[in-house]
Amino acid sequence: MRLEWIGWIATAAFAASYFCRQPNMLRLVQALAALLWVIYGVIIHAMPVVFANVVVAGMAGWSALARRPSGSS
């Protein structure tokens, strides 16, 4: 079974994330794309792909959720 389409969707999601106007939305879309790359990396047994994208997904997700709207304390 060919599952290359997961990698292509992950690529498209990362590319599309740069059209996001809000920084938090950009980070969330990038986190979701990185999770797709993690799935793809597991399927093709590519641990560097898995590791790198676990880091990216974690950092993007954390930074998106940890940010407060400007003006709040």
Protein backbone atom coordinates (compact mmCIF):
# COMPACT_ATOMS: atom_id res chain seq x y z
CA MET A 1 0.00 0.00 0.00
CA ARG A 2 1.41 3.36 -1.02
CA LEU A 3 1.08 5.94 1.69
CA GLU A 4 3.14 8.70 0.09
CA TRP A 5 0.00 10.84 0.06
CA ILE A 6 0.48 11.45 3.81
CA GLY A 7 3.83 13.09 3.10
CA TRP A 8 2.32 15.15 0.30
CA ILE A 9 -0.54 16.34 2.54
CA ALA A 10 1.98 17.23 5.25
CA THR A 11 3.99 19.22 2.71
CA ALA A 12 0.87 21.03 1.49
CA ALA A 13 -0.20 21.81 5.07
CA PHE A 14 3.20 23.29 5.92
CA ALA A 15 3.17 25.38 2.76
CA ALA A 16 -0.41 26.54 3.35
CA SER A 17 0.43 27.54 6.93
CA TYR A 18 2.35 30.52 5.59
CA PHE A 19 -0.89 31.98 4.29
CA CYS A 20 -2.24 32.19 7.85
CA ARG A 21 -2.61 35.78 8.96
CA GLN A 22 -2.71 35.07 12.69
CA PRO A 23 0.51 33.80 14.30
CA ASN A 24 -1.33 31.33 16.53
CA MET A 25 -3.17 29.82 13.58
CA LEU A 26 0.16 29.50 11.72
CA ARG A 27 1.64 27.60 14.67
CA LEU A 28 -1.38 25.33 15.03
CA VAL A 29 -1.41 24.46 11.33
CA GLN A 30 2.34 23.80 11.47
CA ALA A 31 1.86 21.58 14.53
CA LEU A 32 -0.79 19.56 12.70
CA ALA A 33 1.42 19.28 9.62
CA ALA A 34 4.31 18.12 11.79
CA LEU A 35 2.06 15.45 13.29
CA LEU A 36 1.31 14.23 9.76
CA TRP A 37 5.06 14.05 9.16
CA VAL A 38 5.43 12.02 12.37
CA ILE A 39 2.84 9.53 11.10
CA TYR A 40 4.57 9.36 7.73
CA GLY A 41 7.97 8.93 9.39
CA VAL A 42 6.67 6.03 11.49
CA ILE A 43 5.19 4.36 8.40
CA ILE A 44 8.44 4.59 6.44
CA HIS A 45 10.57 3.80 9.52
CA ALA A 46 12.49 7.08 9.34
CA MET A 47 13.35 7.97 12.93
CA PRO A 48 15.07 11.29 12.06
CA VAL A 49 11.80 12.42 10.41
CA VAL A 50 9.81 11.28 13.44
CA PHE A 51 12.13 12.91 15.97
CA ALA A 52 12.47 16.23 14.14
CA ASN A 53 8.73 16.57 13.69
CA VAL A 54 7.88 15.57 17.26
CA VAL A 55 10.10 18.49 18.28
CA VAL A 56 8.49 20.84 15.74
CA ALA A 57 4.94 19.78 16.64
CA GLY A 58 5.65 20.17 20.35
CA MET A 59 7.24 23.58 20.01
CA ALA A 60 4.62 24.90 17.58
CA GLY A 61 1.74 23.58 19.66
CA TRP A 62 3.19 24.82 22.92
CA SER A 63 3.98 28.27 21.56
CA ALA A 64 0.48 28.58 20.07
CA LEU A 65 -1.26 27.54 23.27
CA ALA A 66 1.08 29.36 25.68
CA ARG A 67 0.72 32.78 24.06
CA ARG A 68 -1.74 35.22 25.51
CA PRO A 69 -3.53 37.83 23.50
CA SER A 70 -1.73 41.17 23.68
CA GLY A 71 -3.00 43.42 26.41
CA SER A 72 -3.76 40.64 28.94
CA SER A 73 -1.64 39.92 31.98
